[in-house]
């Protein structure tokens, strides 16, 4: 690599161009996340066939597959059959863009260590957020956290975590074991007390995925955030489902817990992970 290349890369990464590139990277992966959200619960390949309209099966041209922009240009409808495109698609792409940009700012622009390590962290934790976003979207739509994502994810992020070394091997293994074990214990106790299924074990695998990369320290925050958000949003969720014809009562309403666990993990990653108490306080807004 020519000597002048390194200063240029350093300047590019630290500039607004670097942040813009990260946001674009997130938007592109958000488009792929939509493919996963639609196909994985149906047991379909995420690679073949190429992107097509779920309604008329017409192939989607590249210029109709630009994240968020194509949705606006097409006014939310398929170019061929004019069937409405779900708002889920631009929303997932927007969330992926924002999350990736936030991860870049946290881990690169305001991160610690040398630039190569910062970029490695951005790649690993940025894609970790995208996996959480994909799982959350699937859980909202299908009340399912597929093993095809969580189980390979646990293995892959365990290995990547060992390469980064931000959490120790013990913290990672305890996080994975305790993450699954806590959900299993809660689900078992709930079933024995009520005779009904409560939390699914998919939530346990999701929490194990969180713990294996971020360590056991992320589990209390994720569980607390998930529980609070789940309680607050239970009534709006019930009202939405009743408008769609569901007949559940508040006592029996089924709420996807995965998105709330994912939100807790993302907040922990962006605000607390790898920071001392003094650093956390210094980043709080002045009252």
C-alpha atoms as a PDB file:
ATOM      1  CA  UNK A   1       0.000   0.000   0.000  1.00  0.00           C
ATOM      2  CA  UNK A   2       1.505   3.388  -1.013  1.00  0.00           C
ATOM      3  CA  UNK A   3       2.531   5.587   1.959  1.00  0.00           C
ATOM      4  CA  UNK A   4       0.082   8.334   0.969  1.00  0.00           C
ATOM      5  CA  UNK A   5      -2.835   5.884   1.088  1.00  0.00           C
ATOM      6  CA  UNK A   6      -2.892   5.476   4.870  1.00  0.00           C
ATOM      7  CA  UNK A   7      -3.320   9.209   5.688  1.00  0.00           C
ATOM      8  CA  UNK A   8      -6.050   9.412   3.041  1.00  0.00           C
ATOM      9  CA  UNK A   9      -7.924   6.444   4.523  1.00  0.00           C
ATOM     10  CA  UNK A  10      -7.581   7.942   7.983  1.00  0.00           C
ATOM     11  CA  UNK A  11      -8.989  11.251   6.716  1.00  0.00           C
ATOM     12  CA  UNK A  12     -11.808   9.543   4.797  1.00  0.00           C
ATOM     13  CA  UNK A  13     -12.908   7.384   7.726  1.00  0.00           C
ATOM     14  CA  UNK A  14     -12.822  10.274  10.200  1.00  0.00           C
ATOM     15  CA  UNK A  15     -14.699  12.652   7.898  1.00  0.00           C
ATOM     16  CA  UNK A  16     -18.391  12.965   7.106  1.00  0.00           C
ATOM     17  CA  UNK A  17     -17.665  10.873   3.999  1.00  0.00           C
ATOM     18  CA  UNK A  18     -16.886   7.918   6.216  1.00  0.00           C
ATOM     19  CA  UNK A  19     -20.144   8.331   8.115  1.00  0.00           C
ATOM     20  CA  UNK A  20     -22.047   8.657   4.853  1.00  0.00           C
ATOM     21  CA  UNK A  21     -20.456   5.494   3.480  1.00  0.00           C
ATOM     22  CA  UNK A  22     -21.365   3.650   6.691  1.00  0.00           C
ATOM     23  CA  UNK A  23     -24.982   4.808   6.404  1.00  0.00           C
ATOM     24  CA  UNK A  24     -25.127   3.659   2.766  1.00  0.00           C
ATOM     25  CA  UNK A  25     -23.619   0.317   3.795  1.00  0.00           C
ATOM     26  CA  UNK A  26     -26.355  -0.055   6.393  1.00  0.00           C
ATOM     27  CA  UNK A  27     -29.082   0.800   3.899  1.00  0.00           C
ATOM     28  CA  UNK A  28     -27.870  -1.882   1.482  1.00  0.00           C
ATOM     29  CA  UNK A  29     -27.774  -4.482   4.238  1.00  0.00           C
ATOM     30  CA  UNK A  30     -31.219  -3.303   5.335  1.00  0.00           C
ATOM     31  CA  UNK A  31     -32.490  -4.225   1.886  1.00  0.00           C
ATOM     32  CA  UNK A  32     -31.027  -7.708   2.320  1.00  0.00           C
ATOM     33  CA  UNK A  33     -32.584  -7.883   5.805  1.00  0.00           C
ATOM     34  CA  UNK A  34     -35.990  -7.430   4.156  1.00  0.00           C
ATOM     35  CA  UNK A  35     -35.276 -10.437   1.960  1.00  0.00           C
ATOM     36  CA  UNK A  36     -34.444 -12.469   5.071  1.00  0.00           C
ATOM     37  CA  UNK A  37     -37.562 -11.264   6.895  1.00  0.00           C
ATOM     38  CA  UNK A  38     -39.792 -12.351   4.003  1.00  0.00           C
ATOM     39  CA  UNK A  39     -38.114 -15.634   3.069  1.00  0.00           C
ATOM     40  CA  UNK A  40     -36.630 -17.222   6.185  1.00  0.00           C
ATOM     41  CA  UNK A  41     -39.936 -17.886   7.999  1.00  0.00           C
ATOM     42  CA  UNK A  42     -41.207 -19.501   4.802  1.00  0.00           C
ATOM     43  CA  UNK A  43     -38.194 -21.796   4.506  1.00  0.00           C
ATOM     44  CA  UNK A  44     -37.010 -20.126   1.289  1.00  0.00           C
ATOM     45  CA  UNK A  45     -33.476 -19.378   0.128  1.00  0.00           C
ATOM     46  CA  UNK A  46     -32.290 -15.829   0.717  1.00  0.00           C
ATOM     47  CA  UNK A  47     -30.034 -16.039  -2.347  1.00  0.00           C
ATOM     48  CA  UNK A  48     -32.206 -17.461  -5.123  1.00  0.00           C
ATOM     49  CA  UNK A  49     -34.288 -16.440  -6.918  1.00  0.00           C
ATOM     50  CA  UNK A  50     -33.392 -12.790  -7.301  1.00  0.00           C
ATOM     51  CA  UNK A  51     -35.584 -10.081  -5.765  1.00  0.00           C
ATOM     52  CA  UNK A  52     -39.125 -10.219  -7.096  1.00  0.00           C
ATOM     53  CA  UNK A  53     -42.584  -8.918  -6.263  1.00  0.00           C
ATOM     54  CA  UNK A  54     -44.325 -11.263  -3.781  1.00  0.00           C
ATOM     55  CA  UNK A  55     -47.638 -10.556  -5.517  1.00  0.00           C
ATOM     56  CA  UNK A  56     -46.998 -10.895  -9.256  1.00  0.00           C
ATOM     57  CA  UNK A  57     -43.559 -12.573  -9.037  1.00  0.00           C
ATOM     58  CA  UNK A  58     -42.091 -10.072 -11.521  1.00  0.00           C
ATOM     59  CA  UNK A  59     -38.342  -9.574 -11.180  1.00  0.00           C
ATOM     60  CA  UNK A  60     -37.370  -6.292  -9.545  1.00  0.00           C
ATOM     61  CA  UNK A  61     -34.883  -4.233 -11.573  1.00  0.00           C
ATOM     62  CA  UNK A  62     -31.905  -2.722  -9.780  1.00  0.00           C
ATOM     63  CA  UNK A  63     -33.298   0.802 -10.144  1.00  0.00           C
ATOM     64  CA  UNK A  64     -36.479  -0.350  -8.379  1.00  0.00           C
ATOM     65  CA  UNK A  65     -34.483  -1.912  -5.576  1.00  0.00           C
ATOM     66  CA  UNK A  66     -32.717   1.141  -4.180  1.00  0.00           C
ATOM     67  CA  UNK A  67     -33.199   1.278  -0.402  1.00  0.00           C
ATOM     68  CA  UNK A  68     -35.973   3.699   0.600  1.00  0.00           C
ATOM     69  CA  UNK A  69     -35.573   5.783  -2.577  1.00  0.00           C
ATOM     70  CA  UNK A  70     -37.327   3.294  -4.873  1.00  0.00           C
ATOM     71  CA  UNK A  71     -40.277   3.067  -2.485  1.00  0.00           C
ATOM     72  CA  UNK A  72     -40.732   6.829  -2.724  1.00  0.00           C
ATOM     73  CA  UNK A  73     -40.270   6.968  -6.495  1.00  0.00           C
ATOM     74  CA  UNK A  74     -42.748   4.112  -7.024  1.00  0.00           C
ATOM     75  CA  UNK A  75     -45.146   5.694  -4.517  1.00  0.00           C
ATOM     76  CA  UNK A  76     -45.241   2.477  -2.545  1.00  0.00           C
ATOM     77  CA  UNK A  77     -46.481   0.254  -5.380  1.00  0.00           C
ATOM     78  CA  UNK A  78     -45.038  -2.461  -7.602  1.00  0.00           C
ATOM     79  CA  UNK A  79     -44.139  -1.110 -11.040  1.00  0.00           C
ATOM     80  CA  UNK A  80     -45.741  -4.096 -12.802  1.00  0.00           C
ATOM     81  CA  UNK A  81     -48.886  -5.079 -10.897  1.00  0.00           C
ATOM     82  CA  UNK A  82     -49.349  -1.840  -8.876  1.00  0.00           C
ATOM     83  CA  UNK A  83     -50.010  -3.774  -5.675  1.00  0.00           C
ATOM     84  CA  UNK A  84     -49.095  -1.791  -2.567  1.00  0.00           C
ATOM     85  CA  UNK A  85     -45.648  -2.432  -1.081  1.00  0.00           C
ATOM     86  CA  UNK A  86     -45.588  -2.912   2.667  1.00  0.00           C
ATOM     87  CA  UNK A  87     -44.212  -0.031   4.746  1.00  0.00           C
ATOM     88  CA  UNK A  88     -42.070  -2.671   6.449  1.00  0.00           C
ATOM     89  CA  UNK A  89     -39.539  -2.485   3.603  1.00  0.00           C
ATOM     90  CA  UNK A  90     -38.524   1.197   3.823  1.00  0.00           C
ATOM     91  CA  UNK A  91     -38.860   1.109   7.620  1.00  0.00           C
ATOM     92  CA  UNK A  92     -36.389  -1.770   8.006  1.00  0.00           C
ATOM     93  CA  UNK A  93     -34.014  -0.085   5.550  1.00  0.00           C
ATOM     94  CA  UNK A  94     -34.257   3.203   7.450  1.00  0.00           C
ATOM     95  CA  UNK A  95     -33.636   1.517  10.795  1.00  0.00           C
ATOM     96  CA  UNK A  96     -30.653  -0.363   9.343  1.00  0.00           C
ATOM     97  CA  UNK A  97     -29.242   2.915   8.011  1.00  0.00           C
ATOM     98  CA  UNK A  98     -29.634   4.725  11.323  1.00  0.00           C
ATOM     99  CA  UNK A  99     -28.302   1.854  13.440  1.00  0.00           C
ATOM    100  CA  UNK A 100     -25.242   1.403  11.241  1.00  0.00           C
ATOM    101  CA  UNK A 101     -24.491   5.140  11.296  1.00  0.00           C
ATOM    102  CA  UNK A 102     -24.843   5.187  15.087  1.00  0.00           C
ATOM    103  CA  UNK A 103     -22.521   2.201  15.407  1.00  0.00           C
ATOM    104  CA  UNK A 104     -19.959   3.934  13.186  1.00  0.00           C
ATOM    105  CA  UNK A 105     -20.107   7.073  15.299  1.00  0.00           C
ATOM    106  CA  UNK A 106     -19.839   5.139  18.550  1.00  0.00           C
ATOM    107  CA  UNK A 107     -17.120   2.670  17.546  1.00  0.00           C
ATOM    108  CA  UNK A 108     -15.045   4.601  15.000  1.00  0.00           C
ATOM    109  CA  UNK A 109     -15.542   8.349  15.310  1.00  0.00           C
ATOM    110  CA  UNK A 110     -15.692   8.194  19.111  1.00  0.00           C
ATOM    111  CA  UNK A 111     -14.134   4.794  19.698  1.00  0.00           C
ATOM    112  CA  UNK A 112     -10.921   3.748  21.391  1.00  0.00           C
ATOM    113  CA  UNK A 113      -7.922   1.948  19.947  1.00  0.00           C
ATOM    114  CA  UNK A 114      -6.187   2.093  16.588  1.00  0.00           C
ATOM    115  CA  UNK A 115      -8.171   2.580  13.388  1.00  0.00           C
ATOM    116  CA  UNK A 116      -7.967  -1.078  12.208  1.00  0.00           C
ATOM    117  CA  UNK A 117      -9.406  -2.278  15.522  1.00  0.00           C
ATOM    118  CA  UNK A 118     -12.123   0.378  15.424  1.00  0.00           C
ATOM    119  CA  UNK A 119     -13.134  -0.675  11.914  1.00  0.00           C
ATOM    120  CA  UNK A 120     -13.123  -4.344  12.935  1.00  0.00           C
ATOM    121  CA  UNK A 121     -15.430  -3.524  15.839  1.00  0.00           C
ATOM    122  CA  UNK A 122     -17.702  -1.556  13.526  1.00  0.00           C
ATOM    123  CA  UNK A 123     -17.999  -4.465  11.102  1.00  0.00           C
ATOM    124  CA  UNK A 124     -18.731  -7.018  13.841  1.00  0.00           C
ATOM    125  CA  UNK A 125     -21.053  -4.977  16.050  1.00  0.00           C
ATOM    126  CA  UNK A 126     -22.685  -3.215  13.120  1.00  0.00           C
ATOM    127  CA  UNK A 127     -23.678  -6.532  11.564  1.00  0.00           C
ATOM    128  CA  UNK A 128     -24.705  -7.804  14.984  1.00  0.00           C
ATOM    129  CA  UNK A 129     -27.227  -4.958  15.109  1.00  0.00           C
ATOM    130  CA  UNK A 130     -28.480  -5.903  11.645  1.00  0.00           C
ATOM    131  CA  UNK A 131     -29.012  -9.497  12.774  1.00  0.00           C
ATOM    132  CA  UNK A 132     -30.987  -8.228  15.768  1.00  0.00           C
ATOM    133  CA  UNK A 133     -33.058  -5.994  13.472  1.00  0.00           C
ATOM    134  CA  UNK A 134     -33.820  -8.931  11.169  1.00  0.00           C
ATOM    135  CA  UNK A 135     -34.869 -11.150  14.070  1.00  0.00           C
ATOM    136  CA  UNK A 136     -37.012  -8.380  15.562  1.00  0.00           C
ATOM    137  CA  UNK A 137     -38.831  -7.789  12.264  1.00  0.00           C
ATOM    138  CA  UNK A 138     -39.480 -11.521  11.820  1.00  0.00           C
ATOM    139  CA  UNK A 139     -40.785 -11.773  15.384  1.00  0.00           C
ATOM    140  CA  UNK A 140     -43.176  -8.852  14.883  1.00  0.00           C
ATOM    141  CA  UNK A 141     -44.603 -10.338  11.690  1.00  0.00           C
ATOM    142  CA  UNK A 142     -44.563 -14.060  12.498  1.00  0.00           C
ATOM    143  CA  UNK A 143     -44.139 -14.346  16.299  1.00  0.00           C
ATOM    144  CA  UNK A 144     -41.058 -16.432  15.500  1.00  0.00           C
ATOM    145  CA  UNK A 145     -37.305 -16.261  16.091  1.00  0.00           C
ATOM    146  CA  UNK A 146     -35.956 -18.784  13.586  1.00  0.00           C
ATOM    147  CA  UNK A 147     -33.155 -21.153  14.594  1.00  0.00           C
ATOM    148  CA  UNK A 148     -31.724 -20.630  11.091  1.00  0.00           C
ATOM    149  CA  UNK A 149     -30.583 -17.210  12.317  1.00  0.00           C
ATOM    150  CA  UNK A 150     -30.042 -17.526  16.067  1.00  0.00           C
ATOM    151  CA  UNK A 151     -28.074 -20.781  16.182  1.00  0.00           C
ATOM    152  CA  UNK A 152     -25.473 -19.949  13.477  1.00  0.00           C
ATOM    153  CA  UNK A 153     -25.385 -16.411  14.879  1.00  0.00           C
ATOM    154  CA  UNK A 154     -24.360 -17.668  18.313  1.00  0.00           C
ATOM    155  CA  UNK A 155     -21.467 -19.648  16.808  1.00  0.00           C
ATOM    156  CA  UNK A 156     -20.309 -16.898  14.442  1.00  0.00           C
ATOM    157  CA  UNK A 157     -20.398 -14.084  16.983  1.00  0.00           C
ATOM    158  CA  UNK A 158     -18.710 -16.259  19.595  1.00  0.00           C
ATOM    159  CA  UNK A 159     -15.754 -16.690  17.230  1.00  0.00           C
ATOM    160  CA  UNK A 160     -15.727 -13.032  16.199  1.00  0.00           C
ATOM    161  CA  UNK A 161     -15.878 -12.001  19.826  1.00  0.00           C
ATOM    162  CA  UNK A 162     -12.783 -14.067  20.538  1.00  0.00           C
ATOM    163  CA  UNK A 163     -10.946 -12.231  17.752  1.00  0.00           C
ATOM    164  CA  UNK A 164     -11.924  -8.809  19.110  1.00  0.00           C
ATOM    165  CA  UNK A 165     -11.292  -9.695  22.737  1.00  0.00           C
ATOM    166  CA  UNK A 166     -13.651  -7.031  24.135  1.00  0.00           C
ATOM    167  CA  UNK A 167     -15.163  -9.556  26.542  1.00  0.00           C
ATOM    168  CA  UNK A 168     -13.369 -12.507  28.101  1.00  0.00           C
ATOM    169  CA  UNK A 169     -14.055 -16.118  27.209  1.00  0.00           C
ATOM    170  CA  UNK A 170     -15.717 -16.653  30.590  1.00  0.00           C
ATOM    171  CA  UNK A 171     -17.959 -13.585  30.201  1.00  0.00           C
ATOM    172  CA  UNK A 172     -19.006 -14.795  26.767  1.00  0.00           C
ATOM    173  CA  UNK A 173     -19.761 -18.371  27.854  1.00  0.00           C
ATOM    174  CA  UNK A 174     -21.627 -17.203  30.956  1.00  0.00           C
ATOM    175  CA  UNK A 175     -23.589 -14.740  28.833  1.00  0.00           C
ATOM    176  CA  UNK A 176     -24.578 -17.443  26.362  1.00  0.00           C
ATOM    177  CA  UNK A 177     -25.524 -19.993  29.035  1.00  0.00           C
ATOM    178  CA  UNK A 178     -27.280 -17.579  31.371  1.00  0.00           C
ATOM    179  CA  UNK A 179     -29.098 -15.885  28.487  1.00  0.00           C
ATOM    180  CA  UNK A 180     -30.767 -19.105  27.445  1.00  0.00           C
ATOM    181  CA  UNK A 181     -31.110 -20.417  30.997  1.00  0.00           C
ATOM    182  CA  UNK A 182     -32.934 -17.359  32.347  1.00  0.00           C
ATOM    183  CA  UNK A 183     -35.573 -17.454  29.621  1.00  0.00           C
ATOM    184  CA  UNK A 184     -35.958 -21.222  29.971  1.00  0.00           C
ATOM    185  CA  UNK A 185     -36.465 -20.876  33.728  1.00  0.00           C
ATOM    186  CA  UNK A 186     -39.031 -18.074  33.369  1.00  0.00           C
ATOM    187  CA  UNK A 187     -40.915 -19.999  30.684  1.00  0.00           C
ATOM    188  CA  UNK A 188     -40.918 -23.182  32.771  1.00  0.00           C
ATOM    189  CA  UNK A 189     -42.148 -21.416  35.913  1.00  0.00           C
ATOM    190  CA  UNK A 190     -44.854 -19.584  33.971  1.00  0.00           C
ATOM    191  CA  UNK A 191     -46.088 -22.824  32.414  1.00  0.00           C
ATOM    192  CA  UNK A 192     -46.206 -24.638  35.753  1.00  0.00           C
ATOM    193  CA  UNK A 193     -48.074 -21.779  37.439  1.00  0.00           C
ATOM    194  CA  UNK A 194     -50.596 -21.040  34.680  1.00  0.00           C
ATOM    195  CA  UNK A 195     -50.678 -24.127  32.488  1.00  0.00           C
ATOM    196  CA  UNK A 196     -50.055 -21.939  29.424  1.00  0.00           C
ATOM    197  CA  UNK A 197     -47.032 -21.259  27.273  1.00  0.00           C
ATOM    198  CA  UNK A 198     -45.398 -17.930  28.086  1.00  0.00           C
ATOM    199  CA  UNK A 199     -42.020 -16.961  26.703  1.00  0.00           C
ATOM    200  CA  UNK A 200     -40.810 -19.037  23.787  1.00  0.00           C
ATOM    201  CA  UNK A 201     -37.386 -20.639  23.835  1.00  0.00           C
ATOM    202  CA  UNK A 202     -36.570 -18.609  20.749  1.00  0.00           C
ATOM    203  CA  UNK A 203     -36.283 -15.653  23.111  1.00  0.00           C
ATOM    204  CA  UNK A 204     -33.736 -17.650  25.107  1.00  0.00           C
ATOM    205  CA  UNK A 205     -31.647 -18.265  22.000  1.00  0.00           C
ATOM    206  CA  UNK A 206     -31.836 -14.574  21.151  1.00  0.00           C
ATOM    207  CA  UNK A 207     -30.654 -13.649  24.648  1.00  0.00           C
ATOM    208  CA  UNK A 208     -27.875 -16.239  24.329  1.00  0.00           C
ATOM    209  CA  UNK A 209     -26.845 -14.538  21.065  1.00  0.00           C
ATOM    210  CA  UNK A 210     -26.724 -11.198  22.881  1.00  0.00           C
ATOM    211  CA  UNK A 211     -24.758 -12.604  25.799  1.00  0.00           C
ATOM    212  CA  UNK A 212     -22.231 -14.497  23.719  1.00  0.00           C
ATOM    213  CA  UNK A 213     -20.985 -11.308  22.035  1.00  0.00           C
ATOM    214  CA  UNK A 214     -21.613  -8.591  24.628  1.00  0.00           C
ATOM    215  CA  UNK A 215     -21.016 -10.727  27.724  1.00  0.00           C
ATOM    216  CA  UNK A 216     -23.277 -11.511  30.646  1.00  0.00           C
ATOM    217  CA  UNK A 217     -23.251  -7.832  31.658  1.00  0.00           C
ATOM    218  CA  UNK A 218     -25.648  -7.071  28.781  1.00  0.00           C
ATOM    219  CA  UNK A 219     -28.300  -9.515  30.007  1.00  0.00           C
ATOM    220  CA  UNK A 220     -29.808  -7.552  32.948  1.00  0.00           C
ATOM    221  CA  UNK A 221     -30.105  -4.409  30.821  1.00  0.00           C
ATOM    222  CA  UNK A 222     -31.678  -6.275  27.892  1.00  0.00           C
ATOM    223  CA  UNK A 223     -34.140  -8.099  30.142  1.00  0.00           C
ATOM    224  CA  UNK A 224     -35.085  -4.954  32.075  1.00  0.00           C
ATOM    225  CA  UNK A 225     -35.555  -2.903  28.913  1.00  0.00           C
ATOM    226  CA  UNK A 226     -37.521  -5.701  27.265  1.00  0.00           C
ATOM    227  CA  UNK A 227     -39.807  -6.127  30.260  1.00  0.00           C
ATOM    228  CA  UNK A 228     -40.518  -2.403  30.624  1.00  0.00           C
ATOM    229  CA  UNK A 229     -41.172  -1.854  26.917  1.00  0.00           C
ATOM    230  CA  UNK A 230     -43.294  -4.993  26.716  1.00  0.00           C
ATOM    231  CA  UNK A 231     -45.449  -3.803  29.612  1.00  0.00           C
ATOM    232  CA  UNK A 232     -45.847  -0.289  28.211  1.00  0.00           C
ATOM    233  CA  UNK A 233     -46.732  -1.452  24.701  1.00  0.00           C
ATOM    234  CA  UNK A 234     -49.007  -4.347  25.672  1.00  0.00           C
ATOM    235  CA  UNK A 235     -52.191  -2.236  25.473  1.00  0.00           C
ATOM    236  CA  UNK A 236     -51.407  -0.602  22.067  1.00  0.00           C
ATOM    237  CA  UNK A 237     -50.383  -4.008  20.705  1.00  0.00           C
ATOM    238  CA  UNK A 238     -53.670  -5.546  21.888  1.00  0.00           C
ATOM    239  CA  UNK A 239     -55.708  -2.714  20.326  1.00  0.00           C
ATOM    240  CA  UNK A 240     -53.939  -3.131  16.979  1.00  0.00           C
ATOM    241  CA  UNK A 241     -54.543  -6.883  16.971  1.00  0.00           C
ATOM    242  CA  UNK A 242     -58.214  -6.444  17.898  1.00  0.00           C
ATOM    243  CA  UNK A 243     -58.668  -4.027  14.998  1.00  0.00           C
ATOM    244  CA  UNK A 244     -57.323  -6.816  12.762  1.00  0.00           C
ATOM    245  CA  UNK A 245     -59.920  -9.246  14.093  1.00  0.00           C
ATOM    246  CA  UNK A 246     -58.090 -10.884  16.990  1.00  0.00           C
ATOM    247  CA  UNK A 247     -60.150 -11.783  20.063  1.00  0.00           C
ATOM    248  CA  UNK A 248     -57.465 -11.924  22.777  1.00  0.00           C
ATOM    249  CA  UNK A 249     -57.903 -10.298  26.156  1.00  0.00           C
ATOM    250  CA  UNK A 250     -55.141  -8.481  28.020  1.00  0.00           C
ATOM    251  CA  UNK A 251     -54.523 -11.614  30.058  1.00  0.00           C
ATOM    252  CA  UNK A 252     -53.996 -13.801  27.015  1.00  0.00           C
ATOM    253  CA  UNK A 253     -52.510 -11.389  24.467  1.00  0.00           C
ATOM    254  CA  UNK A 254     -49.342 -12.690  22.840  1.00  0.00           C
ATOM    255  CA  UNK A 255     -46.648 -10.037  22.454  1.00  0.00           C
ATOM    256  CA  UNK A 256     -43.368 -10.663  20.594  1.00  0.00           C
ATOM    257  CA  UNK A 257     -40.632 -10.235  23.197  1.00  0.00           C
ATOM    258  CA  UNK A 258     -37.702 -10.464  20.772  1.00  0.00           C
ATOM    259  CA  UNK A 259     -37.886  -6.857  19.501  1.00  0.00           C
ATOM    260  CA  UNK A 260     -37.738  -5.510  23.052  1.00  0.00           C
ATOM    261  CA  UNK A 261     -34.736  -7.671  23.932  1.00  0.00           C
ATOM    262  CA  UNK A 262     -33.076  -6.462  20.729  1.00  0.00           C
ATOM    263  CA  UNK A 263     -33.747  -2.814  21.616  1.00  0.00           C
ATOM    264  CA  UNK A 264     -32.216  -3.353  25.049  1.00  0.00           C
ATOM    265  CA  UNK A 265     -29.117  -4.953  23.522  1.00  0.00           C
ATOM    266  CA  UNK A 266     -28.672  -2.133  20.981  1.00  0.00           C
ATOM    267  CA  UNK A 267     -29.020   0.545  23.664  1.00  0.00           C
ATOM    268  CA  UNK A 268     -26.495  -1.300  25.831  1.00  0.00           C
ATOM    269  CA  UNK A 269     -24.066  -1.583  22.907  1.00  0.00           C
ATOM    270  CA  UNK A 270     -24.314   2.071  21.867  1.00  0.00           C
ATOM    271  CA  UNK A 271     -24.327   3.643  25.325  1.00  0.00           C
ATOM    272  CA  UNK A 272     -22.791   1.326  27.898  1.00  0.00           C
ATOM    273  CA  UNK A 273     -20.657  -1.380  26.301  1.00  0.00           C
ATOM    274  CA  UNK A 274     -16.952  -1.012  27.043  1.00  0.00           C
ATOM    275  CA  UNK A 275     -17.385   2.192  29.048  1.00  0.00           C
ATOM    276  CA  UNK A 276     -16.612   2.859  32.683  1.00  0.00           C
ATOM    277  CA  UNK A 277     -19.142   4.575  34.924  1.00  0.00           C
ATOM    278  CA  UNK A 278     -17.247   7.874  34.613  1.00  0.00           C
ATOM    279  CA  UNK A 279     -17.346   7.654  30.819  1.00  0.00           C
ATOM    280  CA  UNK A 280     -21.078   6.904  30.866  1.00  0.00           C
ATOM    281  CA  UNK A 281     -21.775   9.894  33.104  1.00  0.00           C
ATOM    282  CA  UNK A 282     -19.657  12.154  30.906  1.00  0.00           C
ATOM    283  CA  UNK A 283     -21.803  11.292  27.884  1.00  0.00           C
ATOM    284  CA  UNK A 284     -25.093  12.023  29.631  1.00  0.00           C
ATOM    285  CA  UNK A 285     -26.753  15.311  28.630  1.00  0.00           C
ATOM    286  CA  UNK A 286     -26.347  18.111  31.156  1.00  0.00           C
ATOM    287  CA  UNK A 287     -29.480  18.743  33.191  1.00  0.00           C
END
